[in-house]
Amino acid sequence: MAFTSELIAELEILVLFNLGTTQEGIKVHHTATPSAIAAAIRLHDKGLISQADGGYLTSLGLDAAQHAQTLLTILNVTETA
């Protein structure tokens, strides 16, 4: 299994969410890139976000966003010798 451009776009949406509060959502505007708009729709179809244009994370979405943000943090650490 490989990361497709569609999966990467979905991960990019998930890392936009503030994990410090469940009361803050996001809005993917119609002026966003077509890949971001499509990613938000797919995340909604998968049950990870409450609206096709963003909204709030569902319980499953919160788990996914936590994992995505953790992975991003791990991969962004520069290795020290």
PDB file of N, CA and C in Angstrom:
ATOM      1  N   MET A   1       0.842  -1.175   0.000  1.00  0.00           N
ATOM      2  CA  MET A   1       0.000   0.000   0.000  1.00  0.00           C
ATOM      3  C   MET A   1       0.892   1.244   0.000  1.00  0.00           C
ATOM      4  N   ALA A   2       0.539   2.206  -0.821  1.00  0.00           N
ATOM      5  CA  ALA A   2       1.326   3.426  -0.940  1.00  0.00           C
ATOM      6  C   ALA A   2       0.442   4.640  -0.655  1.00  0.00           C
ATOM      7  N   PHE A   3       1.087   5.751  -0.326  1.00  0.00           N
ATOM      8  CA  PHE A   3       0.363   7.015  -0.159  1.00  0.00           C
ATOM      9  C   PHE A   3       0.062   7.562  -1.556  1.00  0.00           C
ATOM     10  N   THR A   4      -1.207   7.673  -1.861  1.00  0.00           N
ATOM     11  CA  THR A   4      -1.616   8.275  -3.128  1.00  0.00           C
ATOM     12  C   THR A   4      -1.761   9.781  -2.927  1.00  0.00           C
ATOM     13  N   SER A   5      -1.867  10.500  -4.009  1.00  0.00           N
ATOM     14  CA  SER A   5      -2.075  11.942  -3.896  1.00  0.00           C
ATOM     15  C   SER A   5      -3.402  12.255  -3.200  1.00  0.00           C
ATOM     16  N   GLU A   6      -4.399  11.380  -3.374  1.00  0.00           N
ATOM     17  CA  GLU A   6      -5.687  11.573  -2.708  1.00  0.00           C
ATOM     18  C   GLU A   6      -5.551  11.402  -1.187  1.00  0.00           C
ATOM     19  N   LEU A   7      -4.806  10.392  -0.768  1.00  0.00           N
ATOM     20  CA  LEU A   7      -4.599  10.174   0.668  1.00  0.00           C
ATOM     21  C   LEU A   7      -3.792  11.305   1.287  1.00  0.00           C
ATOM     22  N   ILE A   8      -2.814  11.788   0.580  1.00  0.00           N
ATOM     23  CA  ILE A   8      -2.010  12.905   1.086  1.00  0.00           C
ATOM     24  C   ILE A   8      -2.884  14.146   1.242  1.00  0.00           C
ATOM     25  N   ALA A   9      -3.767  14.395   0.286  1.00  0.00           N
ATOM     26  CA  ALA A   9      -4.675  15.536   0.389  1.00  0.00           C
ATOM     27  C   ALA A   9      -5.595  15.392   1.608  1.00  0.00           C
ATOM     28  N   GLU A  10      -6.044  14.184   1.887  1.00  0.00           N
ATOM     29  CA  GLU A  10      -6.883  13.944   3.068  1.00  0.00           C
ATOM     30  C   GLU A  10      -6.095  14.168   4.349  1.00  0.00           C
ATOM     31  N   LEU A  11      -4.858  13.703   4.379  1.00  0.00           N
ATOM     32  CA  LEU A  11      -4.002  13.930   5.550  1.00  0.00           C
ATOM     33  C   LEU A  11      -3.772  15.421   5.766  1.00  0.00           C
ATOM     34  N   GLU A  12      -3.593  16.154   4.669  1.00  0.00           N
ATOM     35  CA  GLU A  12      -3.383  17.600   4.788  1.00  0.00           C
ATOM     36  C   GLU A  12      -4.601  18.291   5.394  1.00  0.00           C
ATOM     37  N   ILE A  13      -5.797  17.809   5.093  1.00  0.00           N
ATOM     38  CA  ILE A  13      -7.005  18.365   5.713  1.00  0.00           C
ATOM     39  C   ILE A  13      -7.041  17.999   7.193  1.00  0.00           C
ATOM     40  N   LEU A  14      -6.743  16.758   7.517  1.00  0.00           N
ATOM     41  CA  LEU A  14      -6.805  16.312   8.910  1.00  0.00           C
ATOM     42  C   LEU A  14      -5.838  17.073   9.814  1.00  0.00           C
ATOM     43  N   VAL A  15      -4.678  17.448   9.294  1.00  0.00           N
ATOM     44  CA  VAL A  15      -3.716  18.150  10.148  1.00  0.00           C
ATOM     45  C   VAL A  15      -4.081  19.615  10.357  1.00  0.00           C
ATOM     46  N   LEU A  16      -5.111  20.095   9.681  1.00  0.00           N
ATOM     47  CA  LEU A  16      -5.567  21.471   9.894  1.00  0.00           C
ATOM     48  C   LEU A  16      -6.392  21.628  11.169  1.00  0.00           C
ATOM     49  N   PHE A  17      -6.926  20.534  11.665  1.00  0.00           N
ATOM     50  CA  PHE A  17      -7.789  20.606  12.843  1.00  0.00           C
ATOM     51  C   PHE A  17      -6.988  20.864  14.111  1.00  0.00           C
ATOM     52  N   ASN A  18      -7.546  21.696  14.974  1.00  0.00           N
ATOM     53  CA  ASN A  18      -6.966  21.979  16.287  1.00  0.00           C
ATOM     54  C   ASN A  18      -7.395  20.859  17.229  1.00  0.00           C
ATOM     55  N   LEU A  19      -6.446  20.051  17.661  1.00  0.00           N
ATOM     56  CA  LEU A  19      -6.771  18.927  18.538  1.00  0.00           C
ATOM     57  C   LEU A  19      -6.957  19.349  19.988  1.00  0.00           C
ATOM     58  N   GLY A  20      -6.694  20.623  20.277  1.00  0.00           N
ATOM     59  CA  GLY A  20      -6.846  21.121  21.639  1.00  0.00           C
ATOM     60  C   GLY A  20      -8.292  21.329  22.047  1.00  0.00           C
ATOM     61  N   THR A  21      -9.211  21.334  21.077  1.00  0.00           N
ATOM     62  CA  THR A  21     -10.619  21.540  21.382  1.00  0.00           C
ATOM     63  C   THR A  21     -11.482  20.857  20.325  1.00  0.00           C
ATOM     64  N   THR A  22     -12.596  20.306  20.759  1.00  0.00           N
ATOM     65  CA  THR A  22     -13.536  19.708  19.811  1.00  0.00           C
ATOM     66  C   THR A  22     -14.557  20.737  19.341  1.00  0.00           C
ATOM     67  N   GLN A  23     -14.479  21.949  19.869  1.00  0.00           N
ATOM     68  CA  GLN A  23     -15.427  23.007  19.532  1.00  0.00           C
ATOM     69  C   GLN A  23     -14.979  23.851  18.343  1.00  0.00           C
ATOM     70  N   GLU A  24     -13.836  23.532  17.769  1.00  0.00           N
ATOM     71  CA  GLU A  24     -13.304  24.298  16.644  1.00  0.00           C
ATOM     72  C   GLU A  24     -13.233  23.410  15.419  1.00  0.00           C
ATOM     73  N   GLY A  25     -13.917  23.824  14.365  1.00  0.00           N
ATOM     74  CA  GLY A  25     -13.896  23.077  13.119  1.00  0.00           C
ATOM     75  C   GLY A  25     -13.121  23.826  12.062  1.00  0.00           C
ATOM     76  N   ILE A  26     -13.254  23.370  10.832  1.00  0.00           N
ATOM     77  CA  ILE A  26     -12.632  24.056   9.703  1.00  0.00           C
ATOM     78  C   ILE A  26     -13.675  24.219   8.606  1.00  0.00           C
ATOM     79  N   LYS A  27     -13.398  25.099   7.685  1.00  0.00           N
ATOM     80  CA  LYS A  27     -14.248  25.326   6.522  1.00  0.00           C
ATOM     81  C   LYS A  27     -13.361  25.271   5.286  1.00  0.00           C
ATOM     82  N   VAL A  28     -13.704  24.392   4.357  1.00  0.00           N
ATOM     83  CA  VAL A  28     -13.000  24.312   3.083  1.00  0.00           C
ATOM     84  C   VAL A  28     -13.844  25.117   2.092  1.00  0.00           C
ATOM     85  N   HIS A  29     -13.379  26.290   1.782  1.00  0.00           N
ATOM     86  CA  HIS A  29     -14.131  27.202   0.927  1.00  0.00           C
ATOM     87  C   HIS A  29     -14.115  26.758  -0.532  1.00  0.00           C
ATOM     88  N   HIS A  30     -15.065  27.247  -1.291  1.00  0.00           N
ATOM     89  CA  HIS A  30     -15.147  26.903  -2.708  1.00  0.00           C
ATOM     90  C   HIS A  30     -13.951  27.434  -3.495  1.00  0.00           C
ATOM     91  N   THR A  31     -13.189  28.323  -2.901  1.00  0.00           N
ATOM     92  CA  THR A  31     -11.987  28.844  -3.556  1.00  0.00           C
ATOM     93  C   THR A  31     -10.740  28.014  -3.245  1.00  0.00           C
ATOM     94  N   ALA A  32     -10.891  26.985  -2.425  1.00  0.00           N
ATOM     95  CA  ALA A  32      -9.758  26.097  -2.113  1.00  0.00           C
ATOM     96  C   ALA A  32      -9.369  25.323  -3.369  1.00  0.00           C
ATOM     97  N   THR A  33      -8.237  24.676  -3.306  1.00  0.00           N
ATOM     98  CA  THR A  33      -7.803  23.876  -4.453  1.00  0.00           C
ATOM     99  C   THR A  33      -8.794  22.736  -4.689  1.00  0.00           C
ATOM    100  N   PRO A  34      -8.946  22.322  -5.929  1.00  0.00           N
ATOM    101  CA  PRO A  34      -9.854  21.196  -6.209  1.00  0.00           C
ATOM    102  C   PRO A  34      -9.497  19.940  -5.415  1.00  0.00           C
ATOM    103  N   SER A  35      -8.209  19.707  -5.188  1.00  0.00           N
ATOM    104  CA  SER A  35      -7.817  18.508  -4.430  1.00  0.00           C
ATOM    105  C   SER A  35      -8.236  18.620  -2.967  1.00  0.00           C
ATOM    106  N   ALA A  36      -8.190  19.815  -2.386  1.00  0.00           N
ATOM    107  CA  ALA A  36      -8.628  20.004  -0.995  1.00  0.00           C
ATOM    108  C   ALA A  36     -10.143  19.840  -0.880  1.00  0.00           C
ATOM    109  N   ILE A  37     -10.872  20.380  -1.836  1.00  0.00           N
ATOM    110  CA  ILE A  37     -12.331  20.237  -1.832  1.00  0.00           C
ATOM    111  C   ILE A  37     -12.721  18.762  -1.945  1.00  0.00           C
ATOM    112  N   ALA A  38     -12.081  18.061  -2.871  1.00  0.00           N
ATOM    113  CA  ALA A  38     -12.364  16.636  -3.059  1.00  0.00           C
ATOM    114  C   ALA A  38     -11.966  15.829  -1.825  1.00  0.00           C
ATOM    115  N   ALA A  39     -10.860  16.192  -1.191  1.00  0.00           N
ATOM    116  CA  ALA A  39     -10.406  15.482   0.008  1.00  0.00           C
ATOM    117  C   ALA A  39     -11.417  15.649   1.139  1.00  0.00           C
ATOM    118  N   ALA A  40     -11.943  16.847   1.304  1.00  0.00           N
ATOM    119  CA  ALA A  40     -12.939  17.085   2.355  1.00  0.00           C
ATOM    120  C   ALA A  40     -14.194  16.254   2.094  1.00  0.00           C
ATOM    121  N   ILE A  41     -14.610  16.179   0.863  1.00  0.00           N
ATOM    122  CA  ILE A  41     -15.781  15.367   0.521  1.00  0.00           C
ATOM    123  C   ILE A  41     -15.520  13.898   0.845  1.00  0.00           C
ATOM    124  N   ARG A  42     -14.341  13.402   0.492  1.00  0.00           N
ATOM    125  CA  ARG A  42     -14.008  12.000   0.787  1.00  0.00           C
ATOM    126  C   ARG A  42     -13.963  11.743   2.290  1.00  0.00           C
ATOM    127  N   LEU A  43     -13.381  12.692   3.049  1.00  0.00           N
ATOM    128  CA  LEU A  43     -13.333  12.519   4.505  1.00  0.00           C
ATOM    129  C   LEU A  43     -14.743  12.492   5.090  1.00  0.00           C
ATOM    130  N   HIS A  44     -15.628  13.305   4.555  1.00  0.00           N
ATOM    131  CA  HIS A  44     -17.028  13.284   5.004  1.00  0.00           C
ATOM    132  C   HIS A  44     -17.678  11.949   4.645  1.00  0.00           C
ATOM    133  N   ASP A  45     -17.458  11.493   3.420  1.00  0.00           N
ATOM    134  CA  ASP A  45     -18.022  10.213   2.982  1.00  0.00           C
ATOM    135  C   ASP A  45     -17.515   9.047   3.829  1.00  0.00           C
ATOM    136  N   LYS A  46     -16.298   9.170   4.335  1.00  0.00           N
ATOM    137  CA  LYS A  46     -15.714   8.127   5.188  1.00  0.00           C
ATOM    138  C   LYS A  46     -16.141   8.261   6.648  1.00  0.00           C
ATOM    139  N   GLY A  47     -16.880   9.324   6.963  1.00  0.00           N
ATOM    140  CA  GLY A  47     -17.358   9.518   8.325  1.00  0.00           C
ATOM    141  C   GLY A  47     -16.344  10.144   9.261  1.00  0.00           C
ATOM    142  N   LEU A  48     -15.352  10.855   8.724  1.00  0.00           N
ATOM    143  CA  LEU A  48     -14.315  11.441   9.566  1.00  0.00           C
ATOM    144  C   LEU A  48     -14.595  12.894   9.930  1.00  0.00           C
ATOM    145  N   ILE A  49     -15.359  13.585   9.078  1.00  0.00           N
ATOM    146  CA  ILE A  49     -15.736  14.968   9.379  1.00  0.00           C
ATOM    147  C   ILE A  49     -17.245  15.117   9.205  1.00  0.00           C
ATOM    148  N   SER A  50     -17.806  16.118   9.884  1.00  0.00           N
ATOM    149  CA  SER A  50     -19.264  16.238   9.959  1.00  0.00           C
ATOM    150  C   SER A  50     -19.920  16.833   8.722  1.00  0.00           C
ATOM    151  N   GLN A  51     -19.185  17.580   7.919  1.00  0.00           N
ATOM    152  CA  GLN A  51     -19.738  18.222   6.734  1.00  0.00           C
ATOM    153  C   GLN A  51     -18.826  17.980   5.536  1.00  0.00           C
ATOM    154  N   ALA A  52     -19.404  18.008   4.349  1.00  0.00           N
ATOM    155  CA  ALA A  52     -18.606  17.786   3.143  1.00  0.00           C
ATOM    156  C   ALA A  52     -17.634  18.927   2.881  1.00  0.00           C
ATOM    157  N   ASP A  53     -17.878  20.083   3.497  1.00  0.00           N
ATOM    158  CA  ASP A  53     -16.964  21.219   3.326  1.00  0.00           C
ATOM    159  C   ASP A  53     -16.194  21.525   4.605  1.00  0.00           C
ATOM    160  N   GLY A  54     -16.029  20.523   5.433  1.00  0.00           N
ATOM    161  CA  GLY A  54     -15.259  20.687   6.669  1.00  0.00           C
ATOM    162  C   GLY A  54     -16.083  20.330   7.887  1.00  0.00           C
ATOM    163  N   GLY A  55     -16.407  21.343   8.682  1.00  0.00           N
ATOM    164  CA  GLY A  55     -17.165  21.083   9.897  1.00  0.00           C
ATOM    165  C   GLY A  55     -16.258  20.641  11.026  1.00  0.00           C
ATOM    166  N   TYR A  56     -16.747  19.663  11.763  1.00  0.00           N
ATOM    167  CA  TYR A  56     -16.038  19.177  12.938  1.00  0.00           C
ATOM    168  C   TYR A  56     -15.596  17.740  12.726  1.00  0.00           C
ATOM    169  N   LEU A  57     -14.609  17.336  13.513  1.00  0.00           N
ATOM    170  CA  LEU A  57     -14.178  15.946  13.475  1.00  0.00           C
ATOM    171  C   LEU A  57     -15.210  15.062  14.165  1.00  0.00           C
ATOM    172  N   THR A  58     -15.468  13.907  13.592  1.00  0.00           N
ATOM    173  CA  THR A  58     -16.259  12.890  14.273  1.00  0.00           C
ATOM    174  C   THR A  58     -15.318  12.175  15.253  1.00  0.00           C
ATOM    175  N   SER A  59     -15.842  11.245  16.000  1.00  0.00           N
ATOM    176  CA  SER A  59     -15.002  10.474  16.928  1.00  0.00           C
ATOM    177  C   SER A  59     -13.906   9.739  16.158  1.00  0.00           C
ATOM    178  N   LEU A  60     -14.274   9.107  15.064  1.00  0.00           N
ATOM    179  CA  LEU A  60     -13.286   8.417  14.230  1.00  0.00           C
ATOM    180  C   LEU A  60     -12.324   9.417  13.607  1.00  0.00           C
ATOM    181  N   GLY A  61     -12.840  10.568  13.197  1.00  0.00           N
ATOM    182  CA  GLY A  61     -12.008  11.613  12.616  1.00  0.00           C
ATOM    183  C   GLY A  61     -10.987  12.147  13.600  1.00  0.00           C
ATOM    184  N   LEU A  62     -11.404  12.267  14.868  1.00  0.00           N
ATOM    185  CA  LEU A  62     -10.479  12.719  15.904  1.00  0.00           C
ATOM    186  C   LEU A  62      -9.319  11.748  16.046  1.00  0.00           C
ATOM    187  N   ASP A  63      -9.622  10.459  16.051  1.00  0.00           N
ATOM    188  CA  ASP A  63      -8.554   9.448  16.111  1.00  0.00           C
ATOM    189  C   ASP A  63      -7.622   9.576  14.906  1.00  0.00           C
ATOM    190  N   ALA A  64      -8.204   9.715  13.721  1.00  0.00           N
ATOM    191  CA  ALA A  64      -7.403   9.820  12.505  1.00  0.00           C
ATOM    192  C   ALA A  64      -6.546  11.081  12.520  1.00  0.00           C
ATOM    193  N   ALA A  65      -7.118  12.207  12.944  1.00  0.00           N
ATOM    194  CA  ALA A  65      -6.373  13.467  12.982  1.00  0.00           C
ATOM    195  C   ALA A  65      -5.231  13.390  13.989  1.00  0.00           C
ATOM    196  N   GLN A  66      -5.466  12.748  15.121  1.00  0.00           N
ATOM    197  CA  GLN A  66      -4.397  12.593  16.110  1.00  0.00           C
ATOM    198  C   GLN A  66      -3.248  11.785  15.529  1.00  0.00           C
ATOM    199  N   HIS A  67      -3.568  10.700  14.852  1.00  0.00           N
ATOM    200  CA  HIS A  67      -2.524   9.872  14.237  1.00  0.00           C
ATOM    201  C   HIS A  67      -1.798  10.636  13.129  1.00  0.00           C
ATOM    202  N   ALA A  68      -2.561  11.343  12.306  1.00  0.00           N
ATOM    203  CA  ALA A  68      -1.950  12.102  11.212  1.00  0.00           C
ATOM    204  C   ALA A  68      -1.011  13.171  11.746  1.00  0.00           C
ATOM    205  N   GLN A  69      -1.445  13.882  12.775  1.00  0.00           N
ATOM    206  CA  GLN A  69      -0.613  14.945  13.326  1.00  0.00           C
ATOM    207  C   GLN A  69       0.605  14.385  14.049  1.00  0.00           C
ATOM    208  N   THR A  70       0.443  13.246  14.694  1.00  0.00           N
ATOM    209  CA  THR A  70       1.593  12.595  15.332  1.00  0.00           C
ATOM    210  C   THR A  70       2.602  12.148  14.285  1.00  0.00           C
ATOM    211  N   LEU A  71       2.131  11.543  13.213  1.00  0.00           N
ATOM    212  CA  LEU A  71       3.021  11.109  12.139  1.00  0.00           C
ATOM    213  C   LEU A  71       3.755  12.295  11.528  1.00  0.00           C
ATOM    214  N   LEU A  72       3.048  13.384  11.300  1.00  0.00           N
ATOM    215  CA  LEU A  72       3.683  14.580  10.746  1.00  0.00           C
ATOM    216  C   LEU A  72       4.772  15.103  11.674  1.00  0.00           C
ATOM    217  N   THR A  73       4.508  15.099  12.967  1.00  0.00           N
ATOM    218  CA  THR A  73       5.496  15.551  13.952  1.00  0.00           C
ATOM    219  C   THR A  73       6.732  14.647  13.931  1.00  0.00           C
ATOM    220  N   ILE A  74       6.508  13.346  13.898  1.00  0.00           N
ATOM    221  CA  ILE A  74       7.621  12.395  13.885  1.00  0.00           C
ATOM    222  C   ILE A  74       8.471  12.572  12.632  1.00  0.00           C
ATOM    223  N   LEU A  75       7.824  12.691  11.491  1.00  0.00           N
ATOM    224  CA  LEU A  75       8.554  12.785  10.228  1.00  0.00           C
ATOM    225  C   LEU A  75       9.247  14.123  10.040  1.00  0.00           C
ATOM    226  N   ASN A  76       8.776  15.150  10.729  1.00  0.00           N
ATOM    227  CA  ASN A  76       9.385  16.480  10.609  1.00  0.00           C
ATOM    228  C   ASN A  76      10.570  16.693  11.542  1.00  0.00           C
ATOM    229  N   VAL A  77      10.831  15.757  12.422  1.00  0.00           N
ATOM    230  CA  VAL A  77      11.970  15.870  13.334  1.00  0.00           C
ATOM    231  C   VAL A  77      13.239  15.602  12.551  1.00  0.00           C
ATOM    232  N   THR A  78      14.181  16.514  12.654  1.00  0.00           N
ATOM    233  CA  THR A  78      15.458  16.295  11.982  1.00  0.00           C
ATOM    234  C   THR A  78      16.338  15.440  12.886  1.00  0.00           C
ATOM    235  N   GLU A  79      16.987  14.511  12.273  1.00  0.00           N
ATOM    236  CA  GLU A  79      17.832  13.590  13.019  1.00  0.00           C
ATOM    237  C   GLU A  79      19.121  14.273  13.445  1.00  0.00           C
ATOM    238  N   THR A  80      19.480  14.091  14.698  1.00  0.00           N
ATOM    239  CA  THR A  80      20.743  14.642  15.197  1.00  0.00           C
ATOM    240  C   THR A  80      21.743  13.512  15.357  1.00  0.00           C
ATOM    241  N   ALA A  81      22.964  13.774  15.016  1.00  0.00           N
ATOM    242  CA  ALA A  81      23.989  12.724  15.063  1.00  0.00           C
ATOM    243  C   ALA A  81      24.659  12.658  16.413  1.00  0.00           C
TER     244      ALA A  81
END
